[in-house]
Amino acid sequence: MKNTQIIDKISQIEQGFLTENNCLKKLVILHSYVDFLKTDNSLKAMFETENSQTETTLNSLLTGSTTFADFEINTGTPNFDNNTVFFYCFLDAMYKTMEEYKVLTDKDKIEKFKQNVELAFKDPMQIMVYNMAFVVLNKKIINELSTEDFIKGHKDNTYFDKEQSVLHIKGKEVKIKRKADLPIEHYILESLFDQEDKIEEVYYQDIAKDKLKELEYDSSTDWKTYHKACQRLQDKIRVDAQIDDFIIFTTGKTGNVKINSDYL
């Protein structure tokens, strides 16, 4: 799953929890959230430390050796952001409780469980911890995944620098302008990257009219000029970036060129 999809999903789960009024359904949402943290490969690795410390953290909370006071900084304000272990442990305990509930068959035990859930969600302190758990854990997820996307995007991004006339493909540079004048290859790339949808084809005729102001473009013959420019561009990319098929281009009156979607 892509990082953006993960961020969307955890945000939706959090919103669902905050707006749900039924206590048991709230616990079901919590269960699905922790299950996602435990099964998605990216999140599982991200919370490996927290997951490994749930048992010892829970024991210390139950025995009273760890309290909210342990999360305070010099100002006396709770320093929750740096204590994902506590909140992960808290939700993990509820997750395991729900796992036990799933296999209950005794009606009296099921009813008792539901009553305990109702009591838990009427406790202001527990409600605060539930809400803070989402805030703190989701903040960690969003920060780490967004940073990862930024770094990856910076290294792997494909774009055309019009000012320098340089094509960047996944960290490699292809210099398009070789002399004083800009070649047709430059305008081909400019047309391709100016589009909102960069995998759409651009027709040679449109490049000629929009970029080079060739108002007398003859579609029966002039396409050859742009087809040859596409060949030169492909050759440059092949030499400088070791990519053979960055653009896909055609011949004829309706000749056009587009970026191979594999590189976007």
C-alpha atoms as a PDB file:
ATOM      1  CA  MET A   1       0.000   0.000   0.000  1.00  0.00           C
ATOM      2  CA  LYS A   2       1.300   3.466  -0.927  1.00  0.00           C
ATOM      3  CA  ASN A   3       2.159   5.922   1.828  1.00  0.00           C
ATOM      4  CA  THR A   4      -0.642   8.289   0.798  1.00  0.00           C
ATOM      5  CA  GLN A   5      -3.154   5.434   0.995  1.00  0.00           C
ATOM      6  CA  ILE A   6      -1.921   4.492   4.475  1.00  0.00           C
ATOM      7  CA  ILE A   7      -2.268   8.094   5.667  1.00  0.00           C
ATOM      8  CA  ASP A   8      -5.783   8.318   4.222  1.00  0.00           C
ATOM      9  CA  LYS A   9      -6.795   5.059   5.879  1.00  0.00           C
ATOM     10  CA  ILE A  10      -5.553   5.899   9.380  1.00  0.00           C
ATOM     11  CA  SER A  11      -7.190   9.333   9.142  1.00  0.00           C
ATOM     12  CA  GLN A  12     -10.501   7.741   8.147  1.00  0.00           C
ATOM     13  CA  ILE A  13     -10.293   5.236  11.008  1.00  0.00           C
ATOM     14  CA  GLU A  14      -9.598   8.038  13.484  1.00  0.00           C
ATOM     15  CA  GLN A  15     -12.527  10.074  12.181  1.00  0.00           C
ATOM     16  CA  GLY A  16     -14.765   7.019  12.355  1.00  0.00           C
ATOM     17  CA  PHE A  17     -13.813   6.456  15.986  1.00  0.00           C
ATOM     18  CA  LEU A  18     -14.454  10.077  16.965  1.00  0.00           C
ATOM     19  CA  THR A  19     -17.897  10.193  15.335  1.00  0.00           C
ATOM     20  CA  GLU A  20     -19.123   6.750  16.420  1.00  0.00           C
ATOM     21  CA  ASN A  21     -21.473   6.840  19.401  1.00  0.00           C
ATOM     22  CA  ASN A  22     -21.932   3.121  19.980  1.00  0.00           C
ATOM     23  CA  CYS A  23     -19.337   1.968  22.530  1.00  0.00           C
ATOM     24  CA  LEU A  24     -18.922  -1.556  21.180  1.00  0.00           C
ATOM     25  CA  LYS A  25     -18.540  -0.246  17.631  1.00  0.00           C
ATOM     26  CA  LYS A  26     -15.876   2.147  18.893  1.00  0.00           C
ATOM     27  CA  LEU A  27     -13.944  -0.817  20.222  1.00  0.00           C
ATOM     28  CA  VAL A  28     -14.351  -2.608  16.892  1.00  0.00           C
ATOM     29  CA  ILE A  29     -12.825   0.442  15.182  1.00  0.00           C
ATOM     30  CA  LEU A  30      -9.919   0.401  17.650  1.00  0.00           C
ATOM     31  CA  HIS A  31      -9.390  -3.278  16.896  1.00  0.00           C
ATOM     32  CA  SER A  32      -9.268  -2.634  13.135  1.00  0.00           C
ATOM     33  CA  TYR A  33      -6.802   0.220  13.696  1.00  0.00           C
ATOM     34  CA  VAL A  34      -4.354  -1.857  15.751  1.00  0.00           C
ATOM     35  CA  ASP A  35      -4.779  -4.773  13.349  1.00  0.00           C
ATOM     36  CA  PHE A  36      -3.716  -2.438  10.547  1.00  0.00           C
ATOM     37  CA  LEU A  37      -0.643  -1.371  12.533  1.00  0.00           C
ATOM     38  CA  LYS A  38       0.265  -5.015  13.040  1.00  0.00           C
ATOM     39  CA  THR A  39      -0.335  -6.284   9.479  1.00  0.00           C
ATOM     40  CA  ASP A  40       0.716  -3.512   7.092  1.00  0.00           C
ATOM     41  CA  ASN A  41       4.415  -4.063   6.357  1.00  0.00           C
ATOM     42  CA  SER A  42       5.384  -0.388   6.625  1.00  0.00           C
ATOM     43  CA  LEU A  43       3.529   0.186   9.882  1.00  0.00           C
ATOM     44  CA  LYS A  44       4.609  -3.123  11.351  1.00  0.00           C
ATOM     45  CA  ALA A  45       8.244  -2.121  10.890  1.00  0.00           C
ATOM     46  CA  MET A  46       7.570   1.404  12.157  1.00  0.00           C
ATOM     47  CA  PHE A  47       6.070   0.158  15.432  1.00  0.00           C
ATOM     48  CA  GLU A  48       8.400  -2.789  15.938  1.00  0.00           C
ATOM     49  CA  THR A  49       9.867  -1.245  19.132  1.00  0.00           C
ATOM     50  CA  GLU A  50       6.461  -0.368  20.567  1.00  0.00           C
ATOM     51  CA  ASN A  51       5.099  -3.825  19.803  1.00  0.00           C
ATOM     52  CA  SER A  52       8.054  -5.528  21.486  1.00  0.00           C
ATOM     53  CA  GLN A  53       7.546  -3.501  24.685  1.00  0.00           C
ATOM     54  CA  THR A  54       3.784  -3.895  25.141  1.00  0.00           C
ATOM     55  CA  GLU A  55       4.005  -6.630  27.770  1.00  0.00           C
ATOM     56  CA  THR A  56       6.575  -4.915  30.012  1.00  0.00           C
ATOM     57  CA  THR A  57       4.841  -1.539  29.631  1.00  0.00           C
ATOM     58  CA  LEU A  58       1.457  -3.007  30.528  1.00  0.00           C
ATOM     59  CA  ASN A  59       2.905  -4.736  33.590  1.00  0.00           C
ATOM     60  CA  SER A  60       4.517  -1.519  34.787  1.00  0.00           C
ATOM     61  CA  LEU A  61       1.215   0.331  34.372  1.00  0.00           C
ATOM     62  CA  LEU A  62      -0.740  -2.354  36.214  1.00  0.00           C
ATOM     63  CA  THR A  63       1.714  -2.430  39.102  1.00  0.00           C
ATOM     64  CA  GLY A  64       1.822   1.360  39.308  1.00  0.00           C
ATOM     65  CA  SER A  65       5.535   1.625  38.610  1.00  0.00           C
ATOM     66  CA  THR A  66       4.676   3.750  35.553  1.00  0.00           C
ATOM     67  CA  THR A  67       2.090   6.546  35.702  1.00  0.00           C
ATOM     68  CA  PHE A  68       1.231   9.733  33.832  1.00  0.00           C
ATOM     69  CA  ALA A  69       3.868  11.496  35.917  1.00  0.00           C
ATOM     70  CA  ASP A  70       6.507   9.605  33.938  1.00  0.00           C
ATOM     71  CA  PHE A  71       5.352  11.412  30.813  1.00  0.00           C
ATOM     72  CA  GLU A  72       5.920  14.898  32.181  1.00  0.00           C
ATOM     73  CA  ILE A  73       8.717  17.232  31.222  1.00  0.00           C
ATOM     74  CA  ASN A  74      10.242  20.051  33.251  1.00  0.00           C
ATOM     75  CA  THR A  75       7.267  22.355  32.762  1.00  0.00           C
ATOM     76  CA  GLY A  76       4.915  19.748  34.204  1.00  0.00           C
ATOM     77  CA  THR A  77       3.138  19.392  30.872  1.00  0.00           C
ATOM     78  CA  PRO A  78       2.589  15.804  29.659  1.00  0.00           C
ATOM     79  CA  ASN A  79       5.114  15.013  26.949  1.00  0.00           C
ATOM     80  CA  PHE A  80       2.937  12.545  25.055  1.00  0.00           C
ATOM     81  CA  ASP A  81       4.443  12.955  21.594  1.00  0.00           C
ATOM     82  CA  ASN A  82       7.645  11.134  22.526  1.00  0.00           C
ATOM     83  CA  ASN A  83       5.873   8.260  24.263  1.00  0.00           C
ATOM     84  CA  THR A  84       4.288   6.221  21.520  1.00  0.00           C
ATOM     85  CA  VAL A  85       5.050   3.065  23.527  1.00  0.00           C
ATOM     86  CA  PHE A  86       2.455   3.991  26.174  1.00  0.00           C
ATOM     87  CA  PHE A  87      -0.331   4.662  23.675  1.00  0.00           C
ATOM     88  CA  TYR A  88       0.505   1.676  21.507  1.00  0.00           C
ATOM     89  CA  CYS A  89       0.425  -0.505  24.621  1.00  0.00           C
ATOM     90  CA  PHE A  90      -2.937   0.929  25.671  1.00  0.00           C
ATOM     91  CA  LEU A  91      -4.557   0.212  22.302  1.00  0.00           C
ATOM     92  CA  ASP A  92      -2.853  -3.160  22.059  1.00  0.00           C
ATOM     93  CA  ALA A  93      -4.459  -4.177  25.365  1.00  0.00           C
ATOM     94  CA  MET A  94      -7.879  -3.280  23.961  1.00  0.00           C
ATOM     95  CA  TYR A  95      -7.038  -5.135  20.758  1.00  0.00           C
ATOM     96  CA  LYS A  96      -6.256  -8.311  22.699  1.00  0.00           C
ATOM     97  CA  THR A  97      -9.437  -7.891  24.699  1.00  0.00           C
ATOM     98  CA  MET A  98     -11.416  -7.796  21.461  1.00  0.00           C
ATOM     99  CA  GLU A  99      -9.601 -10.893  20.246  1.00  0.00           C
ATOM    100  CA  GLU A 100     -10.867 -12.681  23.357  1.00  0.00           C
ATOM    101  CA  TYR A 101     -14.374 -11.299  22.823  1.00  0.00           C
ATOM    102  CA  LYS A 102     -14.477 -12.723  19.281  1.00  0.00           C
ATOM    103  CA  VAL A 103     -14.343 -16.285  20.610  1.00  0.00           C
ATOM    104  CA  LEU A 104     -16.797 -15.881  23.529  1.00  0.00           C
ATOM    105  CA  THR A 105     -19.825 -18.168  23.385  1.00  0.00           C
ATOM    106  CA  ASP A 106     -21.265 -17.823  26.881  1.00  0.00           C
ATOM    107  CA  LYS A 107     -24.115 -15.294  26.770  1.00  0.00           C
ATOM    108  CA  ASP A 108     -23.505 -14.082  30.312  1.00  0.00           C
ATOM    109  CA  LYS A 109     -19.830 -13.389  29.586  1.00  0.00           C
ATOM    110  CA  ILE A 110     -20.746 -11.596  26.376  1.00  0.00           C
ATOM    111  CA  GLU A 111     -23.222  -9.400  28.227  1.00  0.00           C
ATOM    112  CA  LYS A 112     -20.693  -8.700  30.982  1.00  0.00           C
ATOM    113  CA  PHE A 113     -18.132  -7.711  28.375  1.00  0.00           C
ATOM    114  CA  LYS A 114     -20.538  -5.239  26.780  1.00  0.00           C
ATOM    115  CA  GLN A 115     -21.263  -3.684  30.169  1.00  0.00           C
ATOM    116  CA  ASN A 116     -17.553  -3.266  30.842  1.00  0.00           C
ATOM    117  CA  VAL A 117     -17.111  -1.601  27.458  1.00  0.00           C
ATOM    118  CA  GLU A 118     -19.898   0.855  28.280  1.00  0.00           C
ATOM    119  CA  LEU A 119     -18.218   1.697  31.581  1.00  0.00           C
ATOM    120  CA  ALA A 120     -14.826   2.151  29.926  1.00  0.00           C
ATOM    121  CA  PHE A 121     -16.157   4.696  27.467  1.00  0.00           C
ATOM    122  CA  LYS A 122     -17.906   6.630  30.212  1.00  0.00           C
ATOM    123  CA  ASP A 123     -14.595   7.164  32.009  1.00  0.00           C
ATOM    124  CA  PRO A 124     -13.294  10.646  30.999  1.00  0.00           C
ATOM    125  CA  MET A 125      -9.684   9.617  31.606  1.00  0.00           C
ATOM    126  CA  GLN A 126      -9.951   6.585  29.332  1.00  0.00           C
ATOM    127  CA  ILE A 127     -11.700   8.611  26.638  1.00  0.00           C
ATOM    128  CA  MET A 128      -8.863  11.137  26.771  1.00  0.00           C
ATOM    129  CA  VAL A 129      -6.282   8.364  26.406  1.00  0.00           C
ATOM    130  CA  TYR A 130      -8.155   6.804  23.464  1.00  0.00           C
ATOM    131  CA  ASN A 131      -8.279  10.145  21.668  1.00  0.00           C
ATOM    132  CA  MET A 132      -4.655  10.962  22.484  1.00  0.00           C
ATOM    133  CA  ALA A 133      -3.574   7.528  21.258  1.00  0.00           C
ATOM    134  CA  PHE A 134      -4.911   8.296  17.782  1.00  0.00           C
ATOM    135  CA  VAL A 135      -3.335  11.754  17.782  1.00  0.00           C
ATOM    136  CA  VAL A 136       0.109  10.563  18.887  1.00  0.00           C
ATOM    137  CA  LEU A 137       0.337   7.371  16.814  1.00  0.00           C
ATOM    138  CA  ASN A 138      -1.104   8.956  13.673  1.00  0.00           C
ATOM    139  CA  LYS A 139       1.264  11.891  14.047  1.00  0.00           C
ATOM    140  CA  LYS A 140       4.204   9.487  14.060  1.00  0.00           C
ATOM    141  CA  ILE A 141       2.860   7.639  11.008  1.00  0.00           C
ATOM    142  CA  ILE A 142       2.158  10.783   9.006  1.00  0.00           C
ATOM    143  CA  ASN A 143       5.496  12.399   9.868  1.00  0.00           C
ATOM    144  CA  GLU A 144       7.562   9.332   8.979  1.00  0.00           C
ATOM    145  CA  LEU A 145       5.684   8.420   5.798  1.00  0.00           C
ATOM    146  CA  SER A 146       5.565  12.016   4.551  1.00  0.00           C
ATOM    147  CA  THR A 147       9.304  12.414   5.146  1.00  0.00           C
ATOM    148  CA  GLU A 148       9.952   9.121   3.383  1.00  0.00           C
ATOM    149  CA  ASP A 149       7.874  10.259   0.386  1.00  0.00           C
ATOM    150  CA  PHE A 150       9.705  13.590   0.270  1.00  0.00           C
ATOM    151  CA  ILE A 151      13.136  11.966   0.280  1.00  0.00           C
ATOM    152  CA  LYS A 152      12.113   9.304  -2.220  1.00  0.00           C
ATOM    153  CA  GLY A 153      10.413  11.863  -4.427  1.00  0.00           C
ATOM    154  CA  HIS A 154      13.478  14.101  -4.374  1.00  0.00           C
ATOM    155  CA  LYS A 155      15.692  11.233  -5.502  1.00  0.00           C
ATOM    156  CA  ASP A 156      13.328   9.540  -7.939  1.00  0.00           C
ATOM    157  CA  ASN A 157      11.262  12.386  -9.325  1.00  0.00           C
ATOM    158  CA  THR A 158      10.945  12.814 -13.099  1.00  0.00           C
ATOM    159  CA  TYR A 159      10.593  16.388 -14.330  1.00  0.00           C
ATOM    160  CA  PHE A 160      11.768  18.833 -16.977  1.00  0.00           C
ATOM    161  CA  ASP A 161      13.659  21.962 -15.934  1.00  0.00           C
ATOM    162  CA  LYS A 162      12.639  24.374 -18.692  1.00  0.00           C
ATOM    163  CA  GLU A 163      14.989  27.130 -17.553  1.00  0.00           C
ATOM    164  CA  GLN A 164      18.075  24.916 -17.751  1.00  0.00           C
ATOM    165  CA  SER A 165      16.675  22.669 -20.495  1.00  0.00           C
ATOM    166  CA  VAL A 166      17.532  19.584 -18.466  1.00  0.00           C
ATOM    167  CA  LEU A 167      15.409  16.461 -18.168  1.00  0.00           C
ATOM    168  CA  HIS A 168      15.607  14.729 -14.767  1.00  0.00           C
ATOM    169  CA  ILE A 169      14.711  11.042 -14.684  1.00  0.00           C
ATOM    170  CA  LYS A 170      15.001   9.268 -11.345  1.00  0.00           C
ATOM    171  CA  GLY A 171      18.163  11.065 -10.300  1.00  0.00           C
ATOM    172  CA  LYS A 172      19.762  11.166 -13.766  1.00  0.00           C
ATOM    173  CA  GLU A 173      20.162  14.279 -15.903  1.00  0.00           C
ATOM    174  CA  VAL A 174      19.739  14.610 -19.663  1.00  0.00           C
ATOM    175  CA  LYS A 175      20.920  17.953 -21.054  1.00  0.00           C
ATOM    176  CA  ILE A 176      18.689  18.907 -23.960  1.00  0.00           C
ATOM    177  CA  LYS A 177      20.034  22.303 -25.020  1.00  0.00           C
ATOM    178  CA  ARG A 178      23.461  21.877 -26.631  1.00  0.00           C
ATOM    179  CA  LYS A 179      23.802  25.208 -28.466  1.00  0.00           C
ATOM    180  CA  ALA A 180      22.455  28.736 -28.148  1.00  0.00           C
ATOM    181  CA  ASP A 181      19.058  27.958 -29.664  1.00  0.00           C
ATOM    182  CA  LEU A 182      16.571  25.574 -28.111  1.00  0.00           C
ATOM    183  CA  PRO A 183      16.062  22.434 -30.210  1.00  0.00           C
ATOM    184  CA  ILE A 184      12.697  20.921 -31.067  1.00  0.00           C
ATOM    185  CA  GLU A 185      13.413  18.252 -28.438  1.00  0.00           C
ATOM    186  CA  HIS A 186      13.172  20.974 -25.783  1.00  0.00           C
ATOM    187  CA  TYR A 187       9.712  22.015 -26.956  1.00  0.00           C
ATOM    188  CA  ILE A 188       8.554  18.405 -27.128  1.00  0.00           C
ATOM    189  CA  LEU A 189       9.442  17.946 -23.465  1.00  0.00           C
ATOM    190  CA  GLU A 190       8.011  21.311 -22.520  1.00  0.00           C
ATOM    191  CA  SER A 191       4.701  20.356 -24.135  1.00  0.00           C
ATOM    192  CA  LEU A 192       4.652  16.969 -22.419  1.00  0.00           C
ATOM    193  CA  PHE A 193       5.415  18.289 -18.947  1.00  0.00           C
ATOM    194  CA  ASP A 194       3.134  21.327 -19.226  1.00  0.00           C
ATOM    195  CA  GLN A 195       0.154  18.983 -19.278  1.00  0.00           C
ATOM    196  CA  GLU A 196      -1.839  18.337 -16.124  1.00  0.00           C
ATOM    197  CA  ASP A 197      -1.976  14.663 -17.066  1.00  0.00           C
ATOM    198  CA  LYS A 198       1.600  13.941 -18.087  1.00  0.00           C
ATOM    199  CA  ILE A 199       0.875  10.554 -19.667  1.00  0.00           C
ATOM    200  CA  GLU A 200      -1.415  12.091 -22.298  1.00  0.00           C
ATOM    201  CA  GLU A 201      -0.069  12.216 -25.838  1.00  0.00           C
ATOM    202  CA  VAL A 202       0.818  15.512 -27.513  1.00  0.00           C
ATOM    203  CA  TYR A 203       0.334  15.887 -31.253  1.00  0.00           C
ATOM    204  CA  TYR A 204       3.219  17.155 -33.383  1.00  0.00           C
ATOM    205  CA  GLN A 205       0.880  19.706 -34.907  1.00  0.00           C
ATOM    206  CA  ASP A 206       0.099  21.200 -31.490  1.00  0.00           C
ATOM    207  CA  ILE A 207       3.796  21.397 -30.575  1.00  0.00           C
ATOM    208  CA  ALA A 208       4.504  23.191 -33.842  1.00  0.00           C
ATOM    209  CA  LYS A 209       1.695  25.707 -33.437  1.00  0.00           C
ATOM    210  CA  ASP A 210       1.751  26.284 -29.672  1.00  0.00           C
ATOM    211  CA  LYS A 211       5.479  26.197 -28.989  1.00  0.00           C
ATOM    212  CA  LEU A 212       7.224  27.094 -32.237  1.00  0.00           C
ATOM    213  CA  LYS A 213       4.413  29.259 -33.659  1.00  0.00           C
ATOM    214  CA  GLU A 214       4.440  27.396 -36.968  1.00  0.00           C
ATOM    215  CA  LEU A 215       1.067  28.501 -38.284  1.00  0.00           C
ATOM    216  CA  GLU A 216       1.644  26.885 -41.685  1.00  0.00           C
ATOM    217  CA  TYR A 217       2.164  23.357 -40.330  1.00  0.00           C
ATOM    218  CA  ASP A 218       1.479  20.781 -43.067  1.00  0.00           C
ATOM    219  CA  SER A 219       0.304  17.576 -41.400  1.00  0.00           C
ATOM    220  CA  SER A 220       1.032  15.491 -44.515  1.00  0.00           C
ATOM    221  CA  THR A 221       4.794  16.170 -44.449  1.00  0.00           C
ATOM    222  CA  ASP A 222       5.886  18.207 -41.409  1.00  0.00           C
ATOM    223  CA  TRP A 223       5.262  15.358 -38.976  1.00  0.00           C
ATOM    224  CA  LYS A 224       8.578  13.895 -40.183  1.00  0.00           C
ATOM    225  CA  THR A 225      10.516  16.785 -38.628  1.00  0.00           C
ATOM    226  CA  TYR A 226       8.985  16.124 -35.214  1.00  0.00           C
ATOM    227  CA  HIS A 227       9.302  12.371 -35.531  1.00  0.00           C
ATOM    228  CA  LYS A 228      13.030  12.773 -36.166  1.00  0.00           C
ATOM    229  CA  ALA A 229      13.288  15.124 -33.171  1.00  0.00           C
ATOM    230  CA  CYS A 230      11.634  12.424 -31.046  1.00  0.00           C
ATOM    231  CA  GLN A 231      14.213   9.929 -32.283  1.00  0.00           C
ATOM    232  CA  ARG A 232      17.033  12.305 -31.344  1.00  0.00           C
ATOM    233  CA  LEU A 233      15.483  12.868 -27.937  1.00  0.00           C
ATOM    234  CA  GLN A 234      15.163   9.137 -27.340  1.00  0.00           C
ATOM    235  CA  ASP A 235      18.803   8.702 -28.333  1.00  0.00           C
ATOM    236  CA  LYS A 236      19.935  11.404 -25.889  1.00  0.00           C
ATOM    237  CA  ILE A 237      18.004   9.783 -23.075  1.00  0.00           C
ATOM    238  CA  ARG A 238      19.389   6.370 -23.978  1.00  0.00           C
ATOM    239  CA  VAL A 239      22.966   7.658 -23.736  1.00  0.00           C
ATOM    240  CA  ASP A 240      22.630   9.895 -20.670  1.00  0.00           C
ATOM    241  CA  ALA A 241      20.099   7.957 -18.593  1.00  0.00           C
ATOM    242  CA  GLN A 242      20.402   4.417 -19.979  1.00  0.00           C
ATOM    243  CA  ILE A 243      16.664   4.320 -20.723  1.00  0.00           C
ATOM    244  CA  ASP A 244      15.509   3.080 -24.121  1.00  0.00           C
ATOM    245  CA  ASP A 245      11.797   3.817 -24.032  1.00  0.00           C
ATOM    246  CA  PHE A 246      11.171   7.037 -22.110  1.00  0.00           C
ATOM    247  CA  ILE A 247       8.915   8.394 -24.864  1.00  0.00           C
ATOM    248  CA  ILE A 248       6.526   6.642 -27.213  1.00  0.00           C
ATOM    249  CA  PHE A 249       5.956   8.329 -30.573  1.00  0.00           C
ATOM    250  CA  THR A 250       4.139   7.654 -33.830  1.00  0.00           C
ATOM    251  CA  THR A 251       4.286   8.586 -37.517  1.00  0.00           C
ATOM    252  CA  GLY A 252       1.847  10.089 -40.017  1.00  0.00           C
ATOM    253  CA  LYS A 253      -0.571  12.989 -40.177  1.00  0.00           C
ATOM    254  CA  THR A 254      -1.794  12.369 -36.645  1.00  0.00           C
ATOM    255  CA  GLY A 255       1.719  11.792 -35.314  1.00  0.00           C
ATOM    256  CA  ASN A 256       2.071  12.259 -31.579  1.00  0.00           C
ATOM    257  CA  VAL A 257       4.391  11.623 -28.642  1.00  0.00           C
ATOM    258  CA  LYS A 258       3.814  10.717 -24.992  1.00  0.00           C
ATOM    259  CA  ILE A 259       5.847   9.792 -21.914  1.00  0.00           C
ATOM    260  CA  ASN A 260       6.016   6.125 -21.058  1.00  0.00           C
ATOM    261  CA  SER A 261       3.940   5.875 -17.870  1.00  0.00           C
ATOM    262  CA  ASP A 262       6.529   3.492 -16.363  1.00  0.00           C
ATOM    263  CA  TYR A 263       8.727   6.524 -15.654  1.00  0.00           C
ATOM    264  CA  LEU A 264       6.119   8.698 -13.957  1.00  0.00           C
END
